[in-house]
Amino acid sequence: RVDNANRGTIFAGYMIASMSGVGAGQFI
């Protein structure tokens, strides 16, 4: 789904989903 126009947005979304998931999981 990546091209030069949306690369930063998709990568940022992946980082947010990953790190928020890890952080929330630790608080379980």
PDB file of all heavy atoms in Angstrom:
ATOM      1  N   ARG A   1       0.820  -1.219   0.000  1.00  0.00           N
ATOM      2  CA  ARG A   1       0.000   0.000   0.000  1.00  0.00           C
ATOM      3  C   ARG A   1       0.855   1.272   0.000  1.00  0.00           C
ATOM      4  O   ARG A   1       0.331   2.371   0.044  1.00  0.00           O
ATOM      5  CB  ARG A   1      -0.917   0.025   1.234  1.00  0.00           C
ATOM      6  CG  ARG A   1      -1.794  -1.215   1.388  1.00  0.00           C
ATOM      7  CD  ARG A   1      -2.837  -1.293   0.282  1.00  0.00           C
ATOM      8  NE  ARG A   1      -3.757  -2.395   0.489  1.00  0.00           N
ATOM      9  CZ  ARG A   1      -3.599  -3.618  -0.012  1.00  0.00           C
ATOM     10  NH1 ARG A   1      -2.532  -3.894  -0.744  1.00  0.00           N
ATOM     11  NH2 ARG A   1      -4.487  -4.561   0.210  1.00  0.00           N
ATOM     12  N   VAL A   2       2.169   1.113  -0.018  1.00  0.00           N
ATOM     13  CA  VAL A   2       3.072   2.251   0.146  1.00  0.00           C
ATOM     14  C   VAL A   2       3.454   2.844  -1.205  1.00  0.00           C
ATOM     15  O   VAL A   2       3.761   2.119  -2.149  1.00  0.00           O
ATOM     16  CB  VAL A   2       4.345   1.812   0.903  1.00  0.00           C
ATOM     17  CG1 VAL A   2       5.460   2.826   0.734  1.00  0.00           C
ATOM     18  CG2 VAL A   2       4.040   1.634   2.384  1.00  0.00           C
ATOM     19  N   ASP A   3       3.408   4.184  -1.290  1.00  0.00           N
ATOM     20  CA  ASP A   3       4.053   4.903  -2.375  1.00  0.00           C
ATOM     21  C   ASP A   3       4.660   6.168  -1.777  1.00  0.00           C
ATOM     22  O   ASP A   3       4.541   6.419  -0.577  1.00  0.00           O
ATOM     23  CB  ASP A   3       3.072   5.215  -3.511  1.00  0.00           C
ATOM     24  CG  ASP A   3       1.843   6.001  -3.028  1.00  0.00           C
ATOM     25  OD1 ASP A   3       1.993   6.866  -2.140  1.00  0.00           O
ATOM     26  OD2 ASP A   3       0.730   5.733  -3.530  1.00  0.00           O
ATOM     27  N   ASN A   4       5.294   6.967  -2.597  1.00  0.00           N
ATOM     28  CA  ASN A   4       5.983   8.137  -2.063  1.00  0.00           C
ATOM     29  C   ASN A   4       5.037   9.130  -1.403  1.00  0.00           C
ATOM     30  O   ASN A   4       5.424   9.882  -0.518  1.00  0.00           O
ATOM     31  CB  ASN A   4       6.763   8.837  -3.181  1.00  0.00           C
ATOM     32  CG  ASN A   4       7.979   8.035  -3.610  1.00  0.00           C
ATOM     33  OD1 ASN A   4       8.513   7.259  -2.830  1.00  0.00           O
ATOM     34  ND2 ASN A   4       8.404   8.211  -4.854  1.00  0.00           N
ATOM     35  N   ALA A   5       3.771   9.132  -1.829  1.00  0.00           N
ATOM     36  CA  ALA A   5       2.814  10.102  -1.292  1.00  0.00           C
ATOM     37  C   ALA A   5       2.324   9.724   0.107  1.00  0.00           C
ATOM     38  O   ALA A   5       2.025  10.600   0.914  1.00  0.00           O
ATOM     39  CB  ALA A   5       1.631  10.241  -2.240  1.00  0.00           C
ATOM     40  N   ASN A   6       2.219   8.417   0.386  1.00  0.00           N
ATOM     41  CA  ASN A   6       1.626   8.022   1.671  1.00  0.00           C
ATOM     42  C   ASN A   6       2.574   7.257   2.574  1.00  0.00           C
ATOM     43  O   ASN A   6       2.167   6.761   3.620  1.00  0.00           O
ATOM     44  CB  ASN A   6       0.369   7.176   1.430  1.00  0.00           C
ATOM     45  CG  ASN A   6       0.670   5.841   0.759  1.00  0.00           C
ATOM     46  OD1 ASN A   6       1.823   5.443   0.610  1.00  0.00           O
ATOM     47  ND2 ASN A   6      -0.368   5.141   0.352  1.00  0.00           N
ATOM     48  N   ARG A   7       3.853   7.145   2.195  1.00  0.00           N
ATOM     49  CA  ARG A   7       4.797   6.333   2.966  1.00  0.00           C
ATOM     50  C   ARG A   7       4.873   6.791   4.423  1.00  0.00           C
ATOM     51  O   ARG A   7       4.798   5.992   5.358  1.00  0.00           O
ATOM     52  CB  ARG A   7       6.182   6.388   2.330  1.00  0.00           C
ATOM     53  CG  ARG A   7       7.206   5.515   3.056  1.00  0.00           C
ATOM     54  CD  ARG A   7       8.574   5.639   2.405  1.00  0.00           C
ATOM     55  NE  ARG A   7       8.513   5.259   1.010  1.00  0.00           N
ATOM     56  CZ  ARG A   7       8.564   4.010   0.582  1.00  0.00           C
ATOM     57  NH1 ARG A   7       8.624   3.026   1.459  1.00  0.00           N
ATOM     58  NH2 ARG A   7       8.520   3.746  -0.701  1.00  0.00           N
ATOM     59  N   GLY A   8       5.039   8.098   4.632  1.00  0.00           N
ATOM     60  CA  GLY A   8       5.172   8.604   5.992  1.00  0.00           C
ATOM     61  C   GLY A   8       3.926   8.351   6.827  1.00  0.00           C
ATOM     62  O   GLY A   8       4.006   7.990   8.001  1.00  0.00           O
ATOM     63  N   THR A   9       2.757   8.518   6.214  1.00  0.00           N
ATOM     64  CA  THR A   9       1.499   8.315   6.943  1.00  0.00           C
ATOM     65  C   THR A   9       1.332   6.854   7.356  1.00  0.00           C
ATOM     66  O   THR A   9       0.977   6.556   8.497  1.00  0.00           O
ATOM     67  CB  THR A   9       0.312   8.737   6.061  1.00  0.00           C
ATOM     68  OG1 THR A   9       0.442  10.130   5.752  1.00  0.00           O
ATOM     69  CG2 THR A   9      -1.006   8.511   6.785  1.00  0.00           C
ATOM     70  N   ILE A  10       1.585   5.936   6.410  1.00  0.00           N
ATOM     71  CA  ILE A  10       1.414   4.514   6.726  1.00  0.00           C
ATOM     72  C   ILE A  10       2.441   4.050   7.747  1.00  0.00           C
ATOM     73  O   ILE A  10       2.115   3.308   8.678  1.00  0.00           O
ATOM     74  CB  ILE A  10       1.480   3.676   5.430  1.00  0.00           C
ATOM     75  CG1 ILE A  10       0.218   3.919   4.599  1.00  0.00           C
ATOM     76  CG2 ILE A  10       1.636   2.188   5.740  1.00  0.00           C
ATOM     77  CD1 ILE A  10       0.169   3.148   3.300  1.00  0.00           C
ATOM     78  N   PHE A  11       3.679   4.491   7.600  1.00  0.00           N
ATOM     79  CA  PHE A  11       4.701   4.098   8.561  1.00  0.00           C
ATOM     80  C   PHE A  11       4.371   4.641   9.944  1.00  0.00           C
ATOM     81  O   PHE A  11       4.521   3.954  10.958  1.00  0.00           O
ATOM     82  CB  PHE A  11       6.073   4.595   8.101  1.00  0.00           C
ATOM     83  CG  PHE A  11       7.210   4.117   8.967  1.00  0.00           C
ATOM     84  CD1 PHE A  11       7.384   2.766   9.219  1.00  0.00           C
ATOM     85  CD2 PHE A  11       8.105   5.014   9.531  1.00  0.00           C
ATOM     86  CE1 PHE A  11       8.427   2.312  10.007  1.00  0.00           C
ATOM     87  CE2 PHE A  11       9.155   4.579  10.321  1.00  0.00           C
ATOM     88  CZ  PHE A  11       9.330   3.229  10.553  1.00  0.00           C
ATOM     89  N   ALA A  12       3.896   5.897  10.011  1.00  0.00           N
ATOM     90  CA  ALA A  12       3.502   6.470  11.298  1.00  0.00           C
ATOM     91  C   ALA A  12       2.342   5.692  11.914  1.00  0.00           C
ATOM     92  O   ALA A  12       2.316   5.421  13.120  1.00  0.00           O
ATOM     93  CB  ALA A  12       3.123   7.939  11.121  1.00  0.00           C
ATOM     94  N   GLY A  13       1.365   5.314  11.063  1.00  0.00           N
ATOM     95  CA  GLY A  13       0.245   4.528  11.564  1.00  0.00           C
ATOM     96  C   GLY A  13       0.685   3.188  12.113  1.00  0.00           C
ATOM     97  O   GLY A  13       0.187   2.718  13.150  1.00  0.00           O
ATOM     98  N   TYR A  14       1.641   2.558  11.443  1.00  0.00           N
ATOM     99  CA  TYR A  14       2.170   1.269  11.911  1.00  0.00           C
ATOM    100  C   TYR A  14       2.904   1.437  13.242  1.00  0.00           C
ATOM    101  O   TYR A  14       2.755   0.616  14.156  1.00  0.00           O
ATOM    102  CB  TYR A  14       3.094   0.695  10.849  1.00  0.00           C
ATOM    103  CG  TYR A  14       3.691  -0.644  11.215  1.00  0.00           C
ATOM    104  CD1 TYR A  14       2.881  -1.735  11.511  1.00  0.00           C
ATOM    105  CD2 TYR A  14       5.077  -0.829  11.254  1.00  0.00           C
ATOM    106  CE1 TYR A  14       3.424  -2.967  11.833  1.00  0.00           C
ATOM    107  CE2 TYR A  14       5.623  -2.050  11.582  1.00  0.00           C
ATOM    108  CZ  TYR A  14       4.795  -3.126  11.862  1.00  0.00           C
ATOM    109  OH  TYR A  14       5.351  -4.333  12.198  1.00  0.00           O
ATOM    110  N   MET A  15       3.702   2.501  13.355  1.00  0.00           N
ATOM    111  CA  MET A  15       4.414   2.757  14.606  1.00  0.00           C
ATOM    112  C   MET A  15       3.431   2.984  15.759  1.00  0.00           C
ATOM    113  O   MET A  15       3.600   2.450  16.860  1.00  0.00           O
ATOM    114  CB  MET A  15       5.333   3.976  14.444  1.00  0.00           C
ATOM    115  CG  MET A  15       6.533   3.746  13.547  1.00  0.00           C
ATOM    116  SD  MET A  15       7.517   5.255  13.313  1.00  0.00           S
ATOM    117  CE  MET A  15       8.125   5.533  14.978  1.00  0.00           C
ATOM    118  N   ILE A  16       2.393   3.774  15.500  1.00  0.00           N
ATOM    119  CA  ILE A  16       1.417   4.081  16.548  1.00  0.00           C
ATOM    120  C   ILE A  16       0.679   2.814  16.975  1.00  0.00           C
ATOM    121  O   ILE A  16       0.510   2.546  18.172  1.00  0.00           O
ATOM    122  CB  ILE A  16       0.427   5.155  16.070  1.00  0.00           C
ATOM    123  CG1 ILE A  16       1.149   6.498  15.903  1.00  0.00           C
ATOM    124  CG2 ILE A  16      -0.740   5.295  17.043  1.00  0.00           C
ATOM    125  CD1 ILE A  16       0.317   7.558  15.209  1.00  0.00           C
ATOM    126  N   ALA A  17       0.227   2.015  15.990  1.00  0.00           N
ATOM    127  CA  ALA A  17      -0.479   0.776  16.320  1.00  0.00           C
ATOM    128  C   ALA A  17       0.417  -0.170  17.106  1.00  0.00           C
ATOM    129  O   ALA A  17      -0.023  -0.798  18.088  1.00  0.00           O
ATOM    130  CB  ALA A  17      -0.966   0.094  15.038  1.00  0.00           C
ATOM    131  N   SER A  18       1.678  -0.270  16.711  1.00  0.00           N
ATOM    132  CA  SER A  18       2.609  -1.181  17.380  1.00  0.00           C
ATOM    133  C   SER A  18       2.911  -0.736  18.804  1.00  0.00           C
ATOM    134  O   SER A  18       2.773  -1.506  19.760  1.00  0.00           O
ATOM    135  CB  SER A  18       3.917  -1.284  16.579  1.00  0.00           C
ATOM    136  OG  SER A  18       3.691  -1.818  15.304  1.00  0.00           O
ATOM    137  N   MET A  19       3.299   0.523  18.945  1.00  0.00           N
ATOM    138  CA  MET A  19       3.758   0.982  20.258  1.00  0.00           C
ATOM    139  C   MET A  19       2.598   1.164  21.234  1.00  0.00           C
ATOM    140  O   MET A  19       2.733   0.879  22.421  1.00  0.00           O
ATOM    141  CB  MET A  19       4.546   2.283  20.105  1.00  0.00           C
ATOM    142  CG  MET A  19       5.757   2.163  19.198  1.00  0.00           C
ATOM    143  SD  MET A  19       6.696   0.619  19.414  1.00  0.00           S
ATOM    144  CE  MET A  19       7.113   0.709  21.156  1.00  0.00           C
ATOM    145  N   SER A  20       1.449   1.619  20.745  1.00  0.00           N
ATOM    146  CA  SER A  20       0.304   1.754  21.651  1.00  0.00           C
ATOM    147  C   SER A  20      -0.175   0.370  22.084  1.00  0.00           C
ATOM    148  O   SER A  20      -0.599   0.177  23.234  1.00  0.00           O
ATOM    149  CB  SER A  20      -0.830   2.527  20.977  1.00  0.00           C
ATOM    150  OG  SER A  20      -1.278   1.875  19.801  1.00  0.00           O
ATOM    151  N   GLY A  21      -0.095  -0.611  21.176  1.00  0.00           N
ATOM    152  CA  GLY A  21      -0.467  -1.976  21.541  1.00  0.00           C
ATOM    153  C   GLY A  21       0.452  -2.545  22.594  1.00  0.00           C
ATOM    154  O   GLY A  21      -0.010  -3.139  23.591  1.00  0.00           O
ATOM    155  N   VAL A  22       1.750  -2.393  22.416  1.00  0.00           N
ATOM    156  CA  VAL A  22       2.713  -2.892  23.407  1.00  0.00           C
ATOM    157  C   VAL A  22       2.503  -2.214  24.756  1.00  0.00           C
ATOM    158  O   VAL A  22       2.453  -2.868  25.803  1.00  0.00           O
ATOM    159  CB  VAL A  22       4.159  -2.676  22.921  1.00  0.00           C
ATOM    160  CG1 VAL A  22       5.149  -2.972  24.035  1.00  0.00           C
ATOM    161  CG2 VAL A  22       4.453  -3.575  21.727  1.00  0.00           C
ATOM    162  N   GLY A  23       2.365  -0.881  24.730  1.00  0.00           N
ATOM    163  CA  GLY A  23       2.184  -0.151  25.984  1.00  0.00           C
ATOM    164  C   GLY A  23       0.908  -0.552  26.700  1.00  0.00           C
ATOM    165  O   GLY A  23       0.921  -0.798  27.916  1.00  0.00           O
ATOM    166  N   ALA A  24      -0.187  -0.650  25.964  1.00  0.00           N
ATOM    167  CA  ALA A  24      -1.452  -1.046  26.587  1.00  0.00           C
ATOM    168  C   ALA A  24      -1.389  -2.476  27.102  1.00  0.00           C
ATOM    169  O   ALA A  24      -1.926  -2.791  28.174  1.00  0.00           O
ATOM    170  CB  ALA A  24      -2.594  -0.898  25.578  1.00  0.00           C
ATOM    171  N   GLY A  25      -0.707  -3.356  26.357  1.00  0.00           N
ATOM    172  CA  GLY A  25      -0.576  -4.742  26.799  1.00  0.00           C
ATOM    173  C   GLY A  25       0.177  -4.870  28.102  1.00  0.00           C
ATOM    174  O   GLY A  25      -0.166  -5.705  28.959  1.00  0.00           O
ATOM    175  N   GLN A  26       1.197  -4.041  28.291  1.00  0.00           N
ATOM    176  CA  GLN A  26       1.952  -4.085  29.539  1.00  0.00           C
ATOM    177  C   GLN A  26       1.094  -3.693  30.731  1.00  0.00           C
ATOM    178  O   GLN A  26       1.278  -4.209  31.835  1.00  0.00           O
ATOM    179  CB  GLN A  26       3.175  -3.164  29.429  1.00  0.00           C
ATOM    180  CG  GLN A  26       4.230  -3.685  28.469  1.00  0.00           C
ATOM    181  CD  GLN A  26       5.316  -2.678  28.163  1.00  0.00           C
ATOM    182  OE1 GLN A  26       5.185  -1.483  28.461  1.00  0.00           O
ATOM    183  NE2 GLN A  26       6.398  -3.129  27.569  1.00  0.00           N
ATOM    184  N   PHE A  27       0.127  -2.814  30.500  1.00  0.00           N
ATOM    185  CA  PHE A  27      -0.725  -2.365  31.603  1.00  0.00           C
ATOM    186  C   PHE A  27      -1.875  -3.336  31.890  1.00  0.00           C
ATOM    187  O   PHE A  27      -2.659  -3.094  32.805  1.00  0.00           O
ATOM    188  CB  PHE A  27      -1.255  -0.964  31.317  1.00  0.00           C
ATOM    189  CG  PHE A  27      -0.260   0.115  31.626  1.00  0.00           C
ATOM    190  CD1 PHE A  27       0.560   0.625  30.636  1.00  0.00           C
ATOM    191  CD2 PHE A  27      -0.117   0.596  32.921  1.00  0.00           C
ATOM    192  CE1 PHE A  27       1.496   1.605  30.921  1.00  0.00           C
ATOM    193  CE2 PHE A  27       0.820   1.576  33.225  1.00  0.00           C
ATOM    194  CZ  PHE A  27       1.626   2.082  32.217  1.00  0.00           C
ATOM    195  N   ILE A  28      -1.961  -4.429  31.133  1.00  0.00           N
ATOM    196  CA  ILE A  28      -2.906  -5.488  31.488  1.00  0.00           C
ATOM    197  C   ILE A  28      -2.363  -6.302  32.660  1.00  0.00           C
ATOM    198  O   ILE A  28      -3.132  -6.902  33.421  1.00  0.00           O
ATOM    199  CB  ILE A  28      -3.178  -6.390  30.272  1.00  0.00           C
ATOM    200  CG1 ILE A  28      -3.848  -5.588  29.156  1.00  0.00           C
ATOM    201  CG2 ILE A  28      -4.046  -7.594  30.636  1.00  0.00           C
ATOM    202  CD1 ILE A  28      -4.002  -6.359  27.852  1.00  0.00           C
TER     203      ILE A  28
END
